[in-house]
N, C-alpha and C. Protein backbone atom coordinates (compact mmCIF):
# COMPACT_ATOMS: atom_id res chain seq x y z
N MET A 1 6.59 -1.41 -9.89
CA MET A 1 6.09 -2.54 -10.66
C MET A 1 5.55 -3.32 -9.42
N SER A 2 4.45 -3.63 -9.35
CA SER A 2 4.33 -4.60 -7.86
C SER A 2 3.63 -5.84 -8.16
N ALA A 3 2.28 -5.63 -9.45
CA ALA A 3 1.63 -6.96 -9.70
C ALA A 3 3.12 -7.84 -10.33
N LYS A 4 2.71 -9.22 -10.74
CA LYS A 4 3.80 -9.94 -11.72
C LYS A 4 3.32 -9.39 -13.22
N ASP A 5 4.43 -9.18 -14.20
CA ASP A 5 4.28 -8.44 -15.49
C ASP A 5 2.94 -9.00 -16.39
N ASP A 6 2.86 -9.90 -15.98
CA ASP A 6 1.32 -10.54 -16.75
C ASP A 6 0.24 -10.44 -16.27
N CYS A 7 0.58 -9.95 -14.87
CA CYS A 7 -0.85 -10.11 -14.14
C CYS A 7 -1.74 -11.33 -14.02
N GLN A 8 -0.96 -12.68 -13.99
CA GLN A 8 -1.78 -13.99 -13.75
C GLN A 8 -1.82 -13.98 -12.56
N CYS A 9 -2.87 -14.90 -12.33
CA CYS A 9 -3.62 -14.84 -11.43
C CYS A 9 -2.62 -16.09 -10.40
N SER A 10 -2.74 -15.87 -9.35
CA SER A 10 -1.71 -16.80 -8.48
C SER A 10 -2.54 -17.14 -6.90
N LYS A 11 -1.81 -17.71 -6.39
CA LYS A 11 -2.15 -18.66 -5.04
C LYS A 11 -1.27 -17.11 -4.15
N ALA A 12 -0.30 -16.45 -4.76
CA ALA A 12 0.12 -15.25 -3.73
C ALA A 12 -0.27 -14.31 -3.50
N PRO A 13 -0.46 -13.49 -2.23
CA PRO A 13 -1.59 -12.49 -2.25
C PRO A 13 -0.42 -11.19 -2.60
N THR A 14 -1.51 -10.38 -2.91
CA THR A 14 -1.39 -9.10 -2.94
C THR A 14 -0.82 -8.24 -1.26
N LEU A 15 0.16 -7.44 -1.36
CA LEU A 15 0.48 -7.22 0.05
C LEU A 15 -0.20 -5.69 0.29
N ILE A 16 -0.26 -5.03 0.92
CA ILE A 16 -0.48 -3.40 1.42
C ILE A 16 0.34 -3.67 2.43
N PHE A 17 1.00 -2.48 2.91
CA PHE A 17 1.74 -1.81 3.49
C PHE A 17 1.34 -0.30 3.60
N SER A 18 0.76 0.29 5.14
CA SER A 18 1.07 1.57 5.13
C SER A 18 1.71 2.20 6.43
N CYS A 19 1.93 3.54 5.93
CA CYS A 19 2.43 4.41 7.30
C CYS A 19 0.98 4.28 8.15
N SER A 20 0.91 4.21 9.43
CA SER A 20 0.19 4.45 10.31
C SER A 20 0.65 5.56 11.06
N GLY A 21 1.39 6.66 10.72
CA GLY A 21 1.71 7.55 11.45
C GLY A 21 0.69 8.31 12.68
N ALA A 22 1.26 9.13 13.65
CA ALA A 22 0.59 9.97 14.65
C ALA A 22 -0.03 11.08 14.20
N SER A 23 -0.20 11.68 12.63
CA SER A 23 -0.88 12.42 12.29
C SER A 23 -2.19 12.13 11.91
N ASP A 24 -3.03 12.91 11.08
CA ASP A 24 -4.13 13.07 10.48
C ASP A 24 -3.84 12.30 8.81
N VAL A 25 -2.50 12.72 8.08
CA VAL A 25 -2.46 11.98 6.78
C VAL A 25 -1.98 10.33 7.68
N GLY A 26 -1.76 10.11 8.62
CA GLY A 26 -0.89 8.54 8.98
C GLY A 26 -2.16 7.75 9.19
N ALA A 27 -3.31 8.53 9.46
CA ALA A 27 -4.14 8.15 9.91
C ALA A 27 -5.11 7.56 8.35
N VAL A 28 -5.57 8.73 7.32
CA VAL A 28 -6.05 8.33 6.78
C VAL A 28 -5.34 7.08 5.53
N ALA A 29 -3.90 6.96 5.77
CA ALA A 29 -3.26 6.16 4.93
C ALA A 29 -4.00 4.65 5.75
N ASP A 30 -3.65 4.81 6.69
CA ASP A 30 -3.88 3.49 7.48
C ASP A 30 -5.38 3.15 7.00
N GLN A 31 -6.33 3.76 7.45
CA GLN A 31 -7.67 3.31 7.10
C GLN A 31 -7.51 3.21 5.27
N ALA A 32 -7.04 3.55 4.81
CA ALA A 32 -7.12 3.43 3.06
C ALA A 32 -6.64 1.78 3.13
N ALA A 33 -5.64 1.80 3.88
CA ALA A 33 -5.45 0.32 3.51
C ALA A 33 -6.06 -0.99 3.95
N ARG A 34 -6.57 -0.74 5.14
CA ARG A 34 -7.83 -1.59 5.99
C ARG A 34 -8.88 -1.32 4.93
N LYS A 35 -9.46 -0.61 4.24
CA LYS A 35 -10.60 -0.54 3.26
C LYS A 35 -10.25 -1.46 2.04
N LEU A 36 -8.92 -1.01 1.63
CA LEU A 36 -8.25 -2.20 0.50
C LEU A 36 -8.51 -3.80 0.70
N THR A 37 -7.95 -3.61 1.97
CA THR A 37 -8.27 -5.20 2.45
C THR A 37 -9.63 -5.29 2.72
N ARG A 38 -10.34 -4.93 3.57
CA ARG A 38 -11.99 -5.38 3.44
C ARG A 38 -12.57 -5.74 1.84
N GLU A 39 -11.99 -4.80 0.99
CA GLU A 39 -12.76 -4.99 -0.23
C GLU A 39 -11.73 -5.54 -1.02
N GLY A 40 -11.12 -6.78 -0.36
CA GLY A 40 -10.71 -7.77 -1.42
C GLY A 40 -9.59 -7.29 -2.40
N VAL A 41 -8.93 -6.65 -2.28
CA VAL A 41 -8.10 -5.87 -3.20
C VAL A 41 -6.74 -6.29 -3.17
N GLY A 42 -6.14 -6.63 -1.98
CA GLY A 42 -5.22 -7.06 -1.18
C GLY A 42 -5.03 -7.34 0.53
N ASN A 43 -3.88 -7.48 1.33
CA ASN A 43 -3.84 -7.89 2.55
C ASN A 43 -3.17 -7.21 3.07
N MET A 44 -3.56 -6.17 3.97
CA MET A 44 -2.49 -5.27 4.71
C MET A 44 -1.56 -6.25 5.48
N PHE A 45 -0.58 -5.69 5.59
CA PHE A 45 1.05 -6.52 6.23
C PHE A 45 1.48 -5.67 6.71
N CYS A 46 2.34 -6.34 7.90
CA CYS A 46 2.80 -5.74 9.23
C CYS A 46 4.13 -5.02 8.77
N LEU A 47 4.45 -3.53 8.56
CA LEU A 47 5.37 -2.73 7.89
C LEU A 47 6.50 -3.12 9.30
N ALA A 48 5.70 -2.99 10.48
CA ALA A 48 6.96 -3.15 11.34
C ALA A 48 7.65 -4.83 11.76
N GLY A 49 6.96 -5.51 11.35
CA GLY A 49 7.38 -7.06 11.06
C GLY A 49 8.64 -6.78 10.12
N ILE A 50 8.37 -5.93 9.08
CA ILE A 50 9.48 -5.91 8.22
C ILE A 50 10.68 -5.05 8.44
N GLY A 51 10.49 -3.84 8.89
CA GLY A 51 11.43 -3.33 9.53
C GLY A 51 12.35 -3.89 10.51
N GLY A 52 11.72 -4.96 11.38
CA GLY A 52 12.61 -5.33 12.99
C GLY A 52 13.18 -6.47 11.90
N GLY A 53 12.87 -6.72 10.79
CA GLY A 53 13.75 -8.15 10.19
C GLY A 53 13.23 -9.45 10.39
N ILE A 54 12.05 -9.51 10.40
CA ILE A 54 11.62 -10.61 10.34
C ILE A 54 11.58 -11.48 9.54
N SER A 55 12.38 -12.47 9.07
CA SER A 55 12.84 -13.40 8.01
C SER A 55 11.68 -13.83 7.29
N GLY A 56 10.75 -14.48 7.93
CA GLY A 56 9.32 -15.20 7.20
C GLY A 56 8.62 -14.35 6.78
N MET A 57 8.47 -12.91 7.00
CA MET A 57 7.55 -11.58 7.01
C MET A 57 8.54 -11.17 5.64
N ILE A 58 9.33 -10.90 5.52
CA ILE A 58 10.15 -10.39 4.58
C ILE A 58 10.10 -11.32 3.62
N GLU A 59 10.56 -13.12 3.43
CA GLU A 59 10.37 -13.60 2.40
C GLU A 59 9.14 -13.67 2.00
N SER A 60 7.78 -13.98 3.13
CA SER A 60 6.50 -13.87 2.09
C SER A 60 6.28 -12.46 1.44
N THR A 61 6.48 -10.90 1.73
CA THR A 61 7.04 -10.11 1.07
C THR A 61 7.30 -10.35 -0.57
N LYS A 62 8.54 -11.07 -0.17
CA LYS A 62 9.17 -10.94 -1.77
C LYS A 62 8.26 -11.52 -2.41
N ALA A 63 7.73 -13.21 -1.86
CA ALA A 63 6.82 -13.74 -2.81
C ALA A 63 5.37 -13.21 -3.29
N ALA A 64 5.36 -11.93 -2.98
CA ALA A 64 3.95 -11.71 -3.00
C ALA A 64 4.11 -11.40 -4.76
N ALA A 65 2.48 -11.39 -5.19
CA ALA A 65 2.00 -11.41 -6.24
C ALA A 65 1.82 -9.83 -6.68
N GLY A 66 1.72 -8.92 -5.32
CA GLY A 66 2.00 -7.98 -5.91
C GLY A 66 2.40 -6.91 -4.53
N ILE A 67 2.54 -5.70 -4.84
CA ILE A 67 2.69 -4.67 -3.18
C ILE A 67 2.50 -3.21 -3.23
N LEU A 68 1.54 -2.65 -2.48
CA LEU A 68 1.49 -1.25 -2.18
C LEU A 68 1.70 -0.61 -1.15
N ALA A 69 2.81 0.15 -0.98
CA ALA A 69 2.74 1.14 0.19
C ALA A 69 2.52 2.47 0.00
N ILE A 70 1.81 2.44 1.12
CA ILE A 70 1.37 3.94 1.16
C ILE A 70 2.08 4.62 2.46
N ASP A 71 2.60 5.99 1.75
CA ASP A 71 3.45 6.85 2.59
C ASP A 71 2.18 7.68 2.91
N SER A 72 2.10 8.43 4.19
CA SER A 72 1.28 10.01 4.31
C SER A 72 1.98 10.67 3.93
N CYS A 73 3.66 10.78 4.22
CA CYS A 73 4.44 12.45 3.76
C CYS A 73 5.78 12.15 3.12
N PRO A 74 6.23 12.89 2.77
CA PRO A 74 7.50 12.73 1.85
C PRO A 74 8.81 12.38 2.89
N ILE A 75 8.55 11.78 4.04
CA ILE A 75 9.41 11.08 4.13
C ILE A 75 9.90 9.92 4.26
N ASP A 76 8.66 9.19 3.36
CA ASP A 76 8.28 8.07 2.90
C ASP A 76 9.09 6.59 3.82
N CYS A 77 8.43 6.90 4.80
CA CYS A 77 8.56 5.59 5.96
C CYS A 77 8.35 3.75 5.20
N ALA A 78 7.25 4.04 4.90
CA ALA A 78 6.97 2.73 4.32
C ALA A 78 7.92 2.18 2.85
N ARG A 79 7.61 2.88 2.46
CA ARG A 79 8.84 2.77 0.89
C ARG A 79 10.24 2.46 1.55
N LYS A 80 10.80 3.50 2.34
CA LYS A 80 12.59 3.05 2.68
C LYS A 80 12.58 1.67 3.55
N THR A 81 11.39 1.26 4.84
CA THR A 81 11.43 0.69 5.54
C THR A 81 10.91 -1.17 4.29
N LEU A 82 10.55 -0.82 3.42
CA LEU A 82 10.47 -2.07 1.87
C LEU A 82 12.00 -1.94 1.79
N GLU A 83 12.47 -1.19 1.05
CA GLU A 83 13.99 -1.02 0.44
C GLU A 83 14.98 -1.51 1.24
N LYS A 84 14.98 -1.23 2.64
CA LYS A 84 15.73 -1.72 3.35
C LYS A 84 15.92 -3.43 3.81
N ALA A 85 14.78 -3.62 3.31
CA ALA A 85 14.61 -5.15 3.77
C ALA A 85 14.84 -5.67 2.23
N GLU A 86 15.43 -4.92 1.10
CA GLU A 86 15.38 -5.44 0.22
C GLU A 86 14.64 -6.01 -0.91
N ILE A 87 13.34 -5.40 -0.98
CA ILE A 87 12.27 -5.37 -1.65
C ILE A 87 11.96 -3.88 -2.13
N SER A 88 12.05 -4.25 -3.77
CA SER A 88 12.34 -3.27 -4.54
C SER A 88 11.05 -3.53 -5.65
N ALA A 89 10.24 -4.12 -5.56
CA ALA A 89 9.02 -4.18 -6.77
C ALA A 89 8.01 -4.03 -5.80
N PHE A 90 7.36 -2.76 -5.67
CA PHE A 90 6.19 -2.51 -5.32
C PHE A 90 5.56 -1.39 -5.79
N GLU A 91 4.29 -1.06 -5.97
CA GLU A 91 4.00 0.28 -6.30
C GLU A 91 3.91 1.14 -4.69
N HIS A 92 3.85 2.17 -5.33
CA HIS A 92 4.18 3.74 -4.21
C HIS A 92 3.30 4.69 -3.98
N LEU A 93 2.59 4.94 -3.23
CA LEU A 93 1.49 5.89 -3.18
C LEU A 93 2.08 6.99 -2.12
N ARG A 94 1.67 8.31 -2.47
CA ARG A 94 2.31 9.48 -1.32
C ARG A 94 0.96 10.11 -1.24
N LEU A 95 0.39 10.22 0.26
CA LEU A 95 -0.38 10.83 -0.08
C LEU A 95 -0.09 12.11 -0.61
N SER A 96 0.72 12.68 0.24
CA SER A 96 1.16 14.46 -0.37
C SER A 96 1.30 14.76 -1.57
N ASP A 97 1.54 13.76 -2.09
CA ASP A 97 1.29 13.94 -4.02
C ASP A 97 -0.12 14.32 -4.20
N LEU A 98 -1.18 13.40 -3.12
CA LEU A 98 -2.62 13.85 -3.76
C LEU A 98 -3.06 15.18 -3.08
N GLY A 99 -1.93 15.78 -2.18
CA GLY A 99 -2.62 17.02 -1.88
C GLY A 99 -3.43 17.13 -0.63
N MET A 100 -2.46 15.79 0.36
CA MET A 100 -3.06 15.70 1.56
C MET A 100 -1.91 16.04 2.23
N ASN A 101 -1.75 16.82 3.49
CA ASN A 101 -0.52 17.31 4.15
C ASN A 101 -0.85 17.30 5.29
N LYS A 102 -0.05 16.86 6.33
CA LYS A 102 -0.11 16.90 8.05
C LYS A 102 -0.95 17.90 8.13
N GLY A 103 -2.02 17.99 9.18
CA GLY A 103 -2.25 19.02 10.29
C GLY A 103 -3.58 20.07 9.88
N SER A 104 -3.98 19.14 8.12
CA SER A 104 -4.99 19.61 6.76
C SER A 104 -5.95 19.14 6.57
N THR A 105 -5.23 17.91 6.67
CA THR A 105 -6.53 16.68 6.10
C THR A 105 -7.64 15.97 6.74
N PRO A 106 -8.43 15.90 6.85
CA PRO A 106 -9.48 15.49 7.47
C PRO A 106 -9.45 14.30 7.45
N VAL A 107 -9.91 13.36 8.88
CA VAL A 107 -9.57 11.56 8.77
C VAL A 107 -11.18 11.33 8.04
N GLY A 108 -11.78 11.20 7.02
CA GLY A 108 -12.86 10.65 6.73
C GLY A 108 -13.14 10.00 5.81
N ASP A 109 -14.36 9.65 4.94
CA ASP A 109 -14.67 9.25 3.50
C ASP A 109 -13.83 9.48 2.67
N ASP A 110 -14.28 11.04 2.39
CA ASP A 110 -13.22 11.43 1.10
C ASP A 110 -12.19 11.49 0.46
N PRO A 111 -11.53 11.58 1.62
CA PRO A 111 -9.55 11.88 1.94
C PRO A 111 -9.70 10.01 1.82
N ILE A 112 -10.20 9.03 2.31
CA ILE A 112 -9.91 7.89 2.41
C ILE A 112 -10.50 7.09 1.35
N SER A 113 -11.30 7.55 0.43
CA SER A 113 -11.60 7.19 -0.71
C SER A 113 -10.97 7.44 -1.86
N GLN A 114 -10.34 8.49 -1.65
CA GLN A 114 -9.64 8.97 -2.81
C GLN A 114 -8.22 7.79 -2.74
N VAL A 115 -7.54 7.82 -1.65
CA VAL A 115 -6.38 7.18 -1.55
C VAL A 115 -7.16 5.77 -1.99
N VAL A 116 -8.00 4.97 -1.46
CA VAL A 116 -8.23 3.86 -1.89
C VAL A 116 -8.18 3.32 -3.39
N GLU A 117 -9.06 4.32 -3.92
CA GLU A 117 -9.41 4.25 -5.49
C GLU A 117 -7.96 4.78 -6.13
N GLU A 118 -6.82 5.77 -5.85
CA GLU A 118 -5.45 5.40 -6.63
C GLU A 118 -4.39 4.58 -6.29
N GLY A 119 -4.85 3.43 -4.64
CA GLY A 119 -4.33 2.00 -4.44
C GLY A 119 -4.95 2.02 -5.27
N ARG A 120 -5.61 1.54 -5.83
CA ARG A 120 -6.38 0.15 -6.89
C ARG A 120 -5.94 0.76 -7.93
N ARG A 121 -5.90 1.92 -8.66
CA ARG A 121 -5.42 2.62 -10.23
C ARG A 121 -4.35 1.80 -9.66
N LYS A 122 -3.09 1.87 -8.88
CA LYS A 122 -1.90 1.62 -9.07
C LYS A 122 -1.56 0.32 -8.77
N LEU A 123 -2.20 -0.47 -8.20
CA LEU A 123 -2.38 -2.35 -8.60
C LEU A 123 -2.84 -2.72 -9.44
N ASN A 124 -3.00 -1.98 -10.10
CA ASN A 124 -3.95 -2.47 -11.34
C ASN A 124 -3.37 -1.96 -13.14
N GLY A 125 -2.07 -1.07 -12.56
CA GLY A 125 -1.21 -0.94 -13.64
C GLY A 125 -1.92 0.35 -14.44
N GLY A 126 -2.82 1.12 -13.49
CA GLY A 126 -3.34 2.51 -14.17
C GLY A 126 -4.70 2.09 -14.79
N ALA A 127 -5.65 1.16 -14.85
CA ALA A 127 -6.46 0.71 -14.97
C ALA A 127 -7.92 0.82 -14.37
N ALA A 128 -8.57 1.59 -14.86
CA ALA A 128 -9.72 2.30 -13.69
C ALA A 128 -10.35 0.99 -13.43
N GLY A 129 -11.26 1.23 -12.24
CA GLY A 129 -12.12 0.07 -11.83
C GLY A 129 -11.59 -0.18 -10.64
N GLY A 130 -11.77 -1.33 -10.16
CA GLY A 130 -11.50 -1.87 -9.19
C GLY A 130 -10.79 -3.20 -8.60
N GLY A 131 -10.85 -3.96 -7.74
CA GLY A 131 -10.51 -5.58 -7.44
C GLY A 131 -9.41 -5.79 -8.07
N SER A 132 -9.14 -7.20 -7.97
CA SER A 132 -7.51 -7.48 -8.41
C SER A 132 -7.83 -7.59 -9.99
N CYS A 133 -6.34 -7.68 -10.35
CA CYS A 133 -6.11 -8.01 -11.95
C CYS A 133 -6.89 -9.55 -12.40
N CYS A 134 -7.28 -10.10 -11.72
CA CYS A 134 -8.11 -11.24 -11.68
C CYS A 134 -9.20 -11.72 -12.23
N SER A 135 -10.27 -10.25 -11.05
CA SER A 135 -11.81 -10.42 -11.06
C SER A 135 -12.20 -9.96 -12.11
């Protein structure tokens, strides 16, 4: 669960954390998070800051209206990093669950768009369409 239960508008942002690993799928995950940010779905936030235990970043994340963690593979570094910081209320998207695998996924518009659409769906509680719940 990432959005507040009743999806009320608030000043708290929706945050997007992405694996940005050194593989093709890591690049797709990163570019999808950046596109979601450009489109106003949420704000990409620093996963390394969470992993580094930066208290202000952790508290900001815990106060977010919604959180999306995008992982490129089953190792789930983004998910595990959030959980290690005791952040558990988030949506999780794994590219390998979408059929994108290391070494065989081109970094291009089609896979990035597929991840963006799935990210929108997860943040909107399965609703079709895009944007935030308050749009």
